[in-house]
């Protein structure tokens, strides 16, 4: 029975696909802020995947350090974004991106 090995090229193609989905979601989304936040998360996860791949390929720990840094930033960005979104929804009863861009938000 032969073992199936996946090369670096195929894994980089997967990462490029994830990054492309995140980019298209961010560019094509004009109304829903939740989709924008999820698209940003996809972009950051694709970058983390690249850091992991090259960290393993080059046998280096710097990629792992950057993964932890990017995950920390992504978690804080999501937490702050969702907290602001929750406050905005409580006040305006809507989370449309157009309304958020045009209004000045006061807490």
PDB file of N, CA and C in Angstrom:
ATOM      1  N   UNK A   1       0.842  -1.170   0.000  1.00  0.00           N
ATOM      2  CA  UNK A   1       0.000   0.000   0.000  1.00  0.00           C
ATOM      3  C   UNK A   1       0.889   1.236   0.000  1.00  0.00           C
ATOM      4  N   UNK A   2       0.691   2.114  -0.940  1.00  0.00           N
ATOM      5  CA  UNK A   2       1.536   3.300  -1.049  1.00  0.00           C
ATOM      6  C   UNK A   2       0.983   4.421  -0.182  1.00  0.00           C
ATOM      7  N   UNK A   3       1.900   5.212   0.326  1.00  0.00           N
ATOM      8  CA  UNK A   3       1.468   6.340   1.155  1.00  0.00           C
ATOM      9  C   UNK A   3       1.294   7.578   0.275  1.00  0.00           C
ATOM     10  N   UNK A   4       0.279   8.317   0.583  1.00  0.00           N
ATOM     11  CA  UNK A   4      -0.039   9.524  -0.165  1.00  0.00           C
ATOM     12  C   UNK A   4       0.688  10.703   0.467  1.00  0.00           C
ATOM     13  N   UNK A   5       1.513  11.398  -0.322  1.00  0.00           N
ATOM     14  CA  UNK A   5       2.232  12.555   0.190  1.00  0.00           C
ATOM     15  C   UNK A   5       1.755  13.794  -0.545  1.00  0.00           C
ATOM     16  N   UNK A   6       1.470  14.800   0.220  1.00  0.00           N
ATOM     17  CA  UNK A   6       1.038  16.066  -0.345  1.00  0.00           C
ATOM     18  C   UNK A   6       2.224  17.012  -0.275  1.00  0.00           C
ATOM     19  N   UNK A   7       2.544  17.610  -1.404  1.00  0.00           N
ATOM     20  CA  UNK A   7       3.694  18.495  -1.462  1.00  0.00           C
ATOM     21  C   UNK A   7       3.367  19.914  -1.021  1.00  0.00           C
ATOM     22  N   UNK A   8       4.427  20.700  -0.964  1.00  0.00           N
ATOM     23  CA  UNK A   8       4.292  22.090  -0.551  1.00  0.00           C
ATOM     24  C   UNK A   8       3.462  22.888  -1.548  1.00  0.00           C
ATOM     25  N   UNK A   9       3.588  22.564  -2.821  1.00  0.00           N
ATOM     26  CA  UNK A   9       2.868  23.300  -3.858  1.00  0.00           C
ATOM     27  C   UNK A   9       1.359  23.155  -3.695  1.00  0.00           C
ATOM     28  N   UNK A  10       0.895  21.951  -3.439  1.00  0.00           N
ATOM     29  CA  UNK A  10      -0.538  21.732  -3.275  1.00  0.00           C
ATOM     30  C   UNK A  10      -1.079  22.453  -2.038  1.00  0.00           C
ATOM     31  N   UNK A  11      -0.310  22.442  -0.960  1.00  0.00           N
ATOM     32  CA  UNK A  11      -0.753  23.118   0.255  1.00  0.00           C
ATOM     33  C   UNK A  11      -0.768  24.637   0.071  1.00  0.00           C
ATOM     34  N   UNK A  12       0.184  25.157  -0.694  1.00  0.00           N
ATOM     35  CA  UNK A  12       0.170  26.587  -0.993  1.00  0.00           C
ATOM     36  C   UNK A  12      -1.007  26.958  -1.883  1.00  0.00           C
ATOM     37  N   UNK A  13      -1.419  26.053  -2.743  1.00  0.00           N
ATOM     38  CA  UNK A  13      -2.609  26.299  -3.564  1.00  0.00           C
ATOM     39  C   UNK A  13      -3.867  26.353  -2.704  1.00  0.00           C
ATOM     40  N   UNK A  14      -3.940  25.499  -1.696  1.00  0.00           N
ATOM     41  CA  UNK A  14      -5.067  25.530  -0.764  1.00  0.00           C
ATOM     42  C   UNK A  14      -5.084  26.867  -0.017  1.00  0.00           C
ATOM     43  N   UNK A  15      -3.916  27.303   0.436  1.00  0.00           N
ATOM     44  CA  UNK A  15      -3.824  28.572   1.135  1.00  0.00           C
ATOM     45  C   UNK A  15      -4.204  29.737   0.232  1.00  0.00           C
ATOM     46  N   UNK A  16      -3.796  29.687  -1.023  1.00  0.00           N
ATOM     47  CA  UNK A  16      -4.176  30.730  -1.976  1.00  0.00           C
ATOM     48  C   UNK A  16      -5.681  30.737  -2.208  1.00  0.00           C
ATOM     49  N   UNK A  17      -6.283  29.558  -2.260  1.00  0.00           N
ATOM     50  CA  UNK A  17      -7.735  29.470  -2.407  1.00  0.00           C
ATOM     51  C   UNK A  17      -8.468  30.084  -1.231  1.00  0.00           C
ATOM     52  N   UNK A  18      -8.009  29.800  -0.015  1.00  0.00           N
ATOM     53  CA  UNK A  18      -8.639  30.370   1.184  1.00  0.00           C
ATOM     54  C   UNK A  18      -8.477  31.884   1.193  1.00  0.00           C
ATOM     55  N   UNK A  19      -7.290  32.358   0.824  1.00  0.00           N
ATOM     56  CA  UNK A  19      -7.047  33.796   0.780  1.00  0.00           C
ATOM     57  C   UNK A  19      -7.927  34.461  -0.277  1.00  0.00           C
ATOM     58  N   UNK A  20      -8.099  33.788  -1.411  1.00  0.00           N
ATOM     59  CA  UNK A  20      -8.941  34.341  -2.486  1.00  0.00           C
ATOM     60  C   UNK A  20     -10.405  34.419  -2.059  1.00  0.00           C
ATOM     61  N   UNK A  21     -10.883  33.398  -1.370  1.00  0.00           N
ATOM     62  CA  UNK A  21     -12.265  33.417  -0.870  1.00  0.00           C
ATOM     63  C   UNK A  21     -12.460  34.574   0.109  1.00  0.00           C
ATOM     64  N   UNK A  22     -11.492  34.777   0.992  1.00  0.00           N
ATOM     65  CA  UNK A  22     -11.570  35.899   1.926  1.00  0.00           C
ATOM     66  C   UNK A  22     -11.540  37.241   1.229  1.00  0.00           C
ATOM     67  N   UNK A  23     -10.692  37.358   0.197  1.00  0.00           N
ATOM     68  CA  UNK A  23     -10.611  38.611  -0.557  1.00  0.00           C
ATOM     69  C   UNK A  23     -11.903  38.891  -1.297  1.00  0.00           C
ATOM     70  N   UNK A  24     -12.437  37.890  -1.981  1.00  0.00           N
ATOM     71  CA  UNK A  24     -13.699  38.078  -2.696  1.00  0.00           C
ATOM     72  C   UNK A  24     -14.836  38.397  -1.734  1.00  0.00           C
ATOM     73  N   UNK A  25     -14.855  37.756  -0.589  1.00  0.00           N
ATOM     74  CA  UNK A  25     -15.891  38.043   0.401  1.00  0.00           C
ATOM     75  C   UNK A  25     -15.801  39.462   0.914  1.00  0.00           C
ATOM     76  N   UNK A  26     -14.586  39.975   1.061  1.00  0.00           N
ATOM     77  CA  UNK A  26     -14.407  41.333   1.548  1.00  0.00           C
ATOM     78  C   UNK A  26     -14.739  42.367   0.473  1.00  0.00           C
ATOM     79  N   UNK A  27     -14.356  42.079  -0.776  1.00  0.00           N
ATOM     80  CA  UNK A  27     -14.592  43.029  -1.862  1.00  0.00           C
ATOM     81  C   UNK A  27     -16.059  43.035  -2.289  1.00  0.00           C
ATOM     82  N   UNK A  28     -16.664  41.859  -2.397  1.00  0.00           N
ATOM     83  CA  UNK A  28     -18.033  41.772  -2.901  1.00  0.00           C
ATOM     84  C   UNK A  28     -19.091  42.081  -1.853  1.00  0.00           C
ATOM     85  N   UNK A  29     -18.736  42.026  -0.601  1.00  0.00           N
ATOM     86  CA  UNK A  29     -19.698  42.283   0.469  1.00  0.00           C
ATOM     87  C   UNK A  29     -19.850  43.794   0.671  1.00  0.00           C
ATOM     88  N   UNK A  30     -21.060  44.275   0.543  1.00  0.00           N
ATOM     89  CA  UNK A  30     -21.308  45.702   0.721  1.00  0.00           C
ATOM     90  C   UNK A  30     -22.331  45.999   1.809  1.00  0.00           C
ATOM     91  N   UNK A  31     -23.000  44.987   2.348  1.00  0.00           N
ATOM     92  CA  UNK A  31     -24.087  45.260   3.286  1.00  0.00           C
ATOM     93  C   UNK A  31     -23.889  44.658   4.668  1.00  0.00           C
ATOM     94  N   UNK A  32     -23.326  43.486   4.769  1.00  0.00           N
ATOM     95  CA  UNK A  32     -23.303  42.773   6.040  1.00  0.00           C
ATOM     96  C   UNK A  32     -21.927  42.858   6.674  1.00  0.00           C
ATOM     97  N   UNK A  33     -21.866  43.427   7.862  1.00  0.00           N
ATOM     98  CA  UNK A  33     -20.583  43.582   8.535  1.00  0.00           C
ATOM     99  C   UNK A  33     -20.079  42.255   9.106  1.00  0.00           C
ATOM    100  N   UNK A  34     -20.987  41.326   9.421  1.00  0.00           N
ATOM    101  CA  UNK A  34     -20.546  40.024   9.911  1.00  0.00           C
ATOM    102  C   UNK A  34     -19.780  39.256   8.838  1.00  0.00           C
ATOM    103  N   UNK A  35     -20.232  39.354   7.602  1.00  0.00           N
ATOM    104  CA  UNK A  35     -19.497  38.713   6.513  1.00  0.00           C
ATOM    105  C   UNK A  35     -18.131  39.365   6.302  1.00  0.00           C
ATOM    106  N   UNK A  36     -18.053  40.663   6.516  1.00  0.00           N
ATOM    107  CA  UNK A  36     -16.768  41.351   6.396  1.00  0.00           C
ATOM    108  C   UNK A  36     -15.800  40.869   7.472  1.00  0.00           C
ATOM    109  N   UNK A  37     -16.274  40.716   8.694  1.00  0.00           N
ATOM    110  CA  UNK A  37     -15.416  40.223   9.775  1.00  0.00           C
ATOM    111  C   UNK A  37     -14.972  38.785   9.498  1.00  0.00           C
ATOM    112  N   UNK A  38     -15.885  37.950   8.999  1.00  0.00           N
ATOM    113  CA  UNK A  38     -15.516  36.567   8.677  1.00  0.00           C
ATOM    114  C   UNK A  38     -14.525  36.512   7.519  1.00  0.00           C
ATOM    115  N   UNK A  39     -14.647  37.406   6.570  1.00  0.00           N
ATOM    116  CA  UNK A  39     -13.709  37.438   5.452  1.00  0.00           C
ATOM    117  C   UNK A  39     -12.313  37.852   5.918  1.00  0.00           C
ATOM    118  N   UNK A  40     -12.245  38.799   6.836  1.00  0.00           N
ATOM    119  CA  UNK A  40     -10.953  39.190   7.400  1.00  0.00           C
ATOM    120  C   UNK A  40     -10.332  38.022   8.157  1.00  0.00           C
ATOM    121  N   UNK A  41     -11.156  37.263   8.866  1.00  0.00           N
ATOM    122  CA  UNK A  41     -10.648  36.084   9.574  1.00  0.00           C
ATOM    123  C   UNK A  41     -10.095  35.038   8.591  1.00  0.00           C
ATOM    124  N   UNK A  42     -10.780  34.852   7.464  1.00  0.00           N
ATOM    125  CA  UNK A  42     -10.264  33.929   6.447  1.00  0.00           C
ATOM    126  C   UNK A  42      -8.914  34.386   5.910  1.00  0.00           C
ATOM    127  N   UNK A  43      -8.763  35.682   5.688  1.00  0.00           N
ATOM    128  CA  UNK A  43      -7.483  36.208   5.226  1.00  0.00           C
ATOM    129  C   UNK A  43      -6.374  35.924   6.242  1.00  0.00           C
ATOM    130  N   UNK A  44      -6.666  36.173   7.498  1.00  0.00           N
ATOM    131  CA  UNK A  44      -5.651  35.938   8.527  1.00  0.00           C
ATOM    132  C   UNK A  44      -5.340  34.455   8.702  1.00  0.00           C
ATOM    133  N   UNK A  45      -6.335  33.598   8.553  1.00  0.00           N
ATOM    134  CA  UNK A  45      -6.081  32.162   8.659  1.00  0.00           C
ATOM    135  C   UNK A  45      -5.257  31.644   7.484  1.00  0.00           C
ATOM    136  N   UNK A  46      -5.456  32.209   6.294  1.00  0.00           N
ATOM    137  CA  UNK A  46      -4.636  31.817   5.148  1.00  0.00           C
ATOM    138  C   UNK A  46      -3.180  32.227   5.362  1.00  0.00           C
ATOM    139  N   UNK A  47      -2.980  33.390   5.925  1.00  0.00           N
ATOM    140  CA  UNK A  47      -1.611  33.832   6.228  1.00  0.00           C
ATOM    141  C   UNK A  47      -0.987  32.923   7.287  1.00  0.00           C
ATOM    142  N   UNK A  48      -1.766  32.560   8.298  1.00  0.00           N
ATOM    143  CA  UNK A  48      -1.259  31.636   9.320  1.00  0.00           C
ATOM    144  C   UNK A  48      -0.897  30.284   8.723  1.00  0.00           C
ATOM    145  N   UNK A  49      -1.695  29.833   7.785  1.00  0.00           N
ATOM    146  CA  UNK A  49      -1.416  28.556   7.131  1.00  0.00           C
ATOM    147  C   UNK A  49      -0.088  28.620   6.377  1.00  0.00           C
ATOM    148  N   UNK A  50       0.170  29.748   5.707  1.00  0.00           N
ATOM    149  CA  UNK A  50       1.453  29.921   5.027  1.00  0.00           C
ATOM    150  C   UNK A  50       2.610  29.951   6.012  1.00  0.00           C
ATOM    151  N   UNK A  51       2.439  30.657   7.133  1.00  0.00           N
ATOM    152  CA  UNK A  51       3.484  30.676   8.155  1.00  0.00           C
ATOM    153  C   UNK A  51       3.773  29.267   8.661  1.00  0.00           C
ATOM    154  N   UNK A  52       2.708  28.481   8.887  1.00  0.00           N
ATOM    155  CA  UNK A  52       2.890  27.121   9.368  1.00  0.00           C
ATOM    156  C   UNK A  52       3.615  26.259   8.347  1.00  0.00           C
ATOM    157  N   UNK A  53       3.208  26.378   7.073  1.00  0.00           N
ATOM    158  CA  UNK A  53       3.832  25.580   6.023  1.00  0.00           C
ATOM    159  C   UNK A  53       5.321  25.859   5.910  1.00  0.00           C
ATOM    160  N   UNK A  54       5.667  27.126   5.858  1.00  0.00           N
ATOM    161  CA  UNK A  54       7.081  27.463   5.704  1.00  0.00           C
ATOM    162  C   UNK A  54       7.871  27.230   6.976  1.00  0.00           C
ATOM    163  N   UNK A  55       7.230  27.302   8.121  1.00  0.00           N
ATOM    164  CA  UNK A  55       7.908  26.964   9.368  1.00  0.00           C
ATOM    165  C   UNK A  55       8.281  25.484   9.394  1.00  0.00           C
ATOM    166  N   UNK A  56       7.375  24.631   8.930  1.00  0.00           N
ATOM    167  CA  UNK A  56       7.669  23.193   8.864  1.00  0.00           C
ATOM    168  C   UNK A  56       8.674  22.895   7.762  1.00  0.00           C
ATOM    169  N   UNK A  57       8.496  23.527   6.602  1.00  0.00           N
ATOM    170  CA  UNK A  57       9.367  23.274   5.453  1.00  0.00           C
ATOM    171  C   UNK A  57      10.805  23.711   5.720  1.00  0.00           C
ATOM    172  N   UNK A  58      10.980  24.853   6.393  1.00  0.00           N
ATOM    173  CA  UNK A  58      12.317  25.370   6.660  1.00  0.00           C
ATOM    174  C   UNK A  58      12.868  24.913   8.007  1.00  0.00           C
ATOM    175  N   UNK A  59      12.063  24.179   8.767  1.00  0.00           N
ATOM    176  CA  UNK A  59      12.452  23.691  10.099  1.00  0.00           C
ATOM    177  C   UNK A  59      12.898  24.853  10.991  1.00  0.00           C
ATOM    178  N   UNK A  60      11.998  25.819  11.114  1.00  0.00           N
ATOM    179  CA  UNK A  60      12.297  27.049  11.827  1.00  0.00           C
ATOM    180  C   UNK A  60      11.131  27.377  12.758  1.00  0.00           C
ATOM    181  N   UNK A  61      11.422  27.979  13.900  1.00  0.00           N
ATOM    182  CA  UNK A  61      10.372  28.288  14.866  1.00  0.00           C
ATOM    183  C   UNK A  61       9.787  29.685  14.698  1.00  0.00           C
ATOM    184  N   UNK A  62      10.379  30.511  13.864  1.00  0.00           N
ATOM    185  CA  UNK A  62       9.872  31.876  13.707  1.00  0.00           C
ATOM    186  C   UNK A  62       8.450  31.891  13.146  1.00  0.00           C
ATOM    187  N   UNK A  63       8.124  30.959  12.297  1.00  0.00           N
ATOM    188  CA  UNK A  63       6.764  30.882  11.769  1.00  0.00           C
ATOM    189  C   UNK A  63       5.747  30.621  12.866  1.00  0.00           C
ATOM    190  N   UNK A  64       6.098  29.776  13.820  1.00  0.00           N
ATOM    191  CA  UNK A  64       5.191  29.480  14.934  1.00  0.00           C
ATOM    192  C   UNK A  64       4.982  30.701  15.821  1.00  0.00           C
ATOM    193  N   UNK A  65       6.028  31.483  16.000  1.00  0.00           N
ATOM    194  CA  UNK A  65       5.911  32.709  16.789  1.00  0.00           C
ATOM    195  C   UNK A  65       4.972  33.688  16.088  1.00  0.00           C
ATOM    196  N   UNK A  66       5.111  33.814  14.773  1.00  0.00           N
ATOM    197  CA  UNK A  66       4.227  34.705  14.026  1.00  0.00           C
ATOM    198  C   UNK A  66       2.790  34.197  14.029  1.00  0.00           C
ATOM    199  N   UNK A  67       2.597  32.889  14.031  1.00  0.00           N
ATOM    200  CA  UNK A  67       1.242  32.330  14.098  1.00  0.00           C
ATOM    201  C   UNK A  67       0.560  32.754  15.390  1.00  0.00           C
ATOM    202  N   UNK A  68       1.264  32.652  16.495  1.00  0.00           N
ATOM    203  CA  UNK A  68       0.693  33.046  17.783  1.00  0.00           C
ATOM    204  C   UNK A  68       0.381  34.536  17.793  1.00  0.00           C
ATOM    205  N   UNK A  69       1.274  35.348  17.203  1.00  0.00           N
ATOM    206  CA  UNK A  69       1.047  36.787  17.136  1.00  0.00           C
ATOM    207  C   UNK A  69      -0.183  37.116  16.291  1.00  0.00           C
ATOM    208  N   UNK A  70      -0.304  36.508  15.122  1.00  0.00           N
ATOM    209  CA  UNK A  70      -1.434  36.791  14.237  1.00  0.00           C
ATOM    210  C   UNK A  70      -2.739  36.287  14.855  1.00  0.00           C
ATOM    211  N   UNK A  71      -2.730  35.129  15.498  1.00  0.00           N
ATOM    212  CA  UNK A  71      -3.950  34.626  16.145  1.00  0.00           C
ATOM    213  C   UNK A  71      -4.396  35.535  17.284  1.00  0.00           C
ATOM    214  N   UNK A  72      -3.440  36.097  18.019  1.00  0.00           N
ATOM    215  CA  UNK A  72      -3.772  37.023  19.092  1.00  0.00           C
ATOM    216  C   UNK A  72      -4.418  38.286  18.538  1.00  0.00           C
ATOM    217  N   UNK A  73      -3.837  38.809  17.473  1.00  0.00           N
ATOM    218  CA  UNK A  73      -4.394  40.009  16.850  1.00  0.00           C
ATOM    219  C   UNK A  73      -5.782  39.720  16.268  1.00  0.00           C
ATOM    220  N   UNK A  74      -5.946  38.562  15.629  1.00  0.00           N
ATOM    221  CA  UNK A  74      -7.240  38.206  15.034  1.00  0.00           C
ATOM    222  C   UNK A  74      -8.311  38.045  16.109  1.00  0.00           C
ATOM    223  N   UNK A  75      -7.956  37.442  17.227  1.00  0.00           N
ATOM    224  CA  UNK A  75      -8.940  37.255  18.302  1.00  0.00           C
ATOM    225  C   UNK A  75      -9.350  38.593  18.901  1.00  0.00           C
ATOM    226  N   UNK A  76      -8.391  39.476  19.105  1.00  0.00           N
ATOM    227  CA  UNK A  76      -8.737  40.782  19.677  1.00  0.00           C
ATOM    228  C   UNK A  76      -9.545  41.623  18.693  1.00  0.00           C
ATOM    229  N   UNK A  77      -9.219  41.521  17.393  1.00  0.00           N
ATOM    230  CA  UNK A  77      -9.982  42.249  16.371  1.00  0.00           C
ATOM    231  C   UNK A  77     -11.427  41.762  16.323  1.00  0.00           C
ATOM    232  N   UNK A  78     -11.615  40.464  16.394  1.00  0.00           N
ATOM    233  CA  UNK A  78     -12.975  39.918  16.370  1.00  0.00           C
ATOM    234  C   UNK A  78     -13.755  40.303  17.621  1.00  0.00           C
ATOM    235  N   UNK A  79     -13.108  40.242  18.764  1.00  0.00           N
ATOM    236  CA  UNK A  79     -13.795  40.581  20.011  1.00  0.00           C
ATOM    237  C   UNK A  79     -14.209  42.043  20.035  1.00  0.00           C
ATOM    238  N   UNK A  80     -13.314  42.931  19.627  1.00  0.00           N
ATOM    239  CA  UNK A  80     -13.658  44.348  19.611  1.00  0.00           C
ATOM    240  C   UNK A  80     -14.718  44.658  18.556  1.00  0.00           C
ATOM    241  N   UNK A  81     -14.583  44.058  17.391  1.00  0.00           N
ATOM    242  CA  UNK A  81     -15.567  44.283  16.333  1.00  0.00           C
ATOM    243  C   UNK A  81     -16.953  43.819  16.726  1.00  0.00           C
ATOM    244  N   UNK A  82     -17.039  42.641  17.321  1.00  0.00           N
ATOM    245  CA  UNK A  82     -18.349  42.136  17.735  1.00  0.00           C
ATOM    246  C   UNK A  82     -18.927  42.915  18.908  1.00  0.00           C
ATOM    247  N   UNK A  83     -18.062  43.423  19.792  1.00  0.00           N
ATOM    248  CA  UNK A  83     -18.558  44.254  20.900  1.00  0.00           C
ATOM    249  C   UNK A  83     -19.126  45.565  20.375  1.00  0.00           C
ATOM    250  N   UNK A  84     -18.434  46.200  19.440  1.00  0.00           N
ATOM    251  CA  UNK A  84     -18.943  47.438  18.845  1.00  0.00           C
ATOM    252  C   UNK A  84     -20.225  47.164  18.077  1.00  0.00           C
ATOM    253  N   UNK A  85     -20.248  46.053  17.367  1.00  0.00           N
ATOM    254  CA  UNK A  85     -21.439  45.688  16.600  1.00  0.00           C
ATOM    255  C   UNK A  85     -22.638  45.441  17.519  1.00  0.00           C
ATOM    256  N   UNK A  86     -22.423  44.819  18.655  1.00  0.00           N
ATOM    257  CA  UNK A  86     -23.497  44.563  19.610  1.00  0.00           C
ATOM    258  C   UNK A  86     -24.053  45.874  20.172  1.00  0.00           C
ATOM    259  N   UNK A  87     -23.151  46.788  20.517  1.00  0.00           N
ATOM    260  CA  UNK A  87     -23.600  48.090  21.015  1.00  0.00           C
ATOM    261  C   UNK A  87     -24.374  48.861  19.951  1.00  0.00           C
ATOM    262  N   UNK A  88     -23.898  48.789  18.717  1.00  0.00           N
ATOM    263  CA  UNK A  88     -24.577  49.482  17.627  1.00  0.00           C
ATOM    264  C   UNK A  88     -25.957  48.885  17.371  1.00  0.00           C
ATOM    265  N   UNK A  89     -26.052  47.571  17.435  1.00  0.00           N
ATOM    266  CA  UNK A  89     -27.351  46.919  17.210  1.00  0.00           C
ATOM    267  C   UNK A  89     -28.343  47.271  18.313  1.00  0.00           C
ATOM    268  N   UNK A  90     -27.861  47.366  19.553  1.00  0.00           N
ATOM    269  CA  UNK A  90     -28.756  47.723  20.650  1.00  0.00           C
ATOM    270  C   UNK A  90     -29.329  49.125  20.467  1.00  0.00           C
ATOM    271  N   UNK A  91     -28.533  50.008  19.893  1.00  0.00           N
ATOM    272  CA  UNK A  91     -28.998  51.382  19.721  1.00  0.00           C
ATOM    273  C   UNK A  91     -29.822  51.576  18.452  1.00  0.00           C
ATOM    274  N   UNK A  92     -29.390  51.017  17.317  1.00  0.00           N
ATOM    275  CA  UNK A  92     -30.030  51.298  16.033  1.00  0.00           C
ATOM    276  C   UNK A  92     -30.914  50.168  15.506  1.00  0.00           C
ATOM    277  N   UNK A  93     -30.836  48.975  16.081  1.00  0.00           N
ATOM    278  CA  UNK A  93     -31.591  47.799  15.647  1.00  0.00           C
ATOM    279  C   UNK A  93     -31.299  47.421  14.195  1.00  0.00           C
ATOM    280  N   UNK A  94     -30.068  47.646  13.755  1.00  0.00           N
ATOM    281  CA  UNK A  94     -29.647  47.284  12.404  1.00  0.00           C
ATOM    282  C   UNK A  94     -28.133  47.159  12.388  1.00  0.00           C
ATOM    283  N   UNK A  95     -27.635  46.238  11.550  1.00  0.00           N
ATOM    284  CA  UNK A  95     -26.194  46.095  11.426  1.00  0.00           C
ATOM    285  C   UNK A  95     -25.749  46.221   9.971  1.00  0.00           C
ATOM    286  N   UNK A  96     -26.507  46.986   9.193  1.00  0.00           N
ATOM    287  CA  UNK A  96     -26.125  47.187   7.800  1.00  0.00           C
ATOM    288  C   UNK A  96     -24.892  48.065   7.720  1.00  0.00           C
ATOM    289  N   UNK A  97     -24.002  47.710   6.805  1.00  0.00           N
ATOM    290  CA  UNK A  97     -22.731  48.404   6.681  1.00  0.00           C
ATOM    291  C   UNK A  97     -22.913  49.833   6.188  1.00  0.00           C
ATOM    292  N   UNK A  98     -23.907  50.066   5.344  1.00  0.00           N
ATOM    293  CA  UNK A  98     -24.142  51.407   4.808  1.00  0.00           C
ATOM    294  C   UNK A  98     -24.538  52.375   5.919  1.00  0.00           C
ATOM    295  N   UNK A  99     -25.381  51.923   6.809  1.00  0.00           N
ATOM    296  CA  UNK A  99     -25.819  52.781   7.913  1.00  0.00           C
ATOM    297  C   UNK A  99     -24.666  53.078   8.870  1.00  0.00           C
ATOM    298  N   UNK A 100     -23.779  52.144   9.048  1.00  0.00           N
ATOM    299  CA  UNK A 100     -22.638  52.348   9.947  1.00  0.00           C
ATOM    300  C   UNK A 100     -21.662  53.343   9.329  1.00  0.00           C
ATOM    301  N   UNK A 101     -21.490  53.294   8.010  1.00  0.00           N
ATOM    302  CA  UNK A 101     -20.564  54.224   7.355  1.00  0.00           C
ATOM    303  C   UNK A 101     -21.067  55.655   7.404  1.00  0.00           C
ATOM    304  N   UNK A 102     -22.368  55.862   7.314  1.00  0.00           N
ATOM    305  CA  UNK A 102     -22.903  57.219   7.226  1.00  0.00           C
ATOM    306  C   UNK A 102     -23.182  57.847   8.584  1.00  0.00           C
ATOM    307  N   UNK A 103     -23.465  57.075   9.603  1.00  0.00           N
ATOM    308  CA  UNK A 103     -23.783  57.615  10.933  1.00  0.00           C
ATOM    309  C   UNK A 103     -22.530  57.778  11.758  1.00  0.00           C
ATOM    310  N   UNK A 104     -22.603  58.754  12.665  1.00  0.00           N
ATOM    311  CA  UNK A 104     -21.540  58.882  13.652  1.00  0.00           C
ATOM    312  C   UNK A 104     -22.017  58.153  14.896  1.00  0.00           C
ATOM    313  N   UNK A 105     -21.199  57.217  15.342  1.00  0.00           N
ATOM    314  CA  UNK A 105     -21.601  56.338  16.436  1.00  0.00           C
ATOM    315  C   UNK A 105     -21.157  56.947  17.760  1.00  0.00           C
ATOM    316  N   UNK A 106     -22.093  57.155  18.672  1.00  0.00           N
ATOM    317  CA  UNK A 106     -21.789  57.683  19.992  1.00  0.00           C
ATOM    318  C   UNK A 106     -22.172  56.637  21.024  1.00  0.00           C
ATOM    319  N   UNK A 107     -21.265  56.376  21.910  1.00  0.00           N
ATOM    320  CA  UNK A 107     -21.533  55.390  22.975  1.00  0.00           C
ATOM    321  C   UNK A 107     -22.039  56.119  24.206  1.00  0.00           C
TER     322      UNK A 107
END
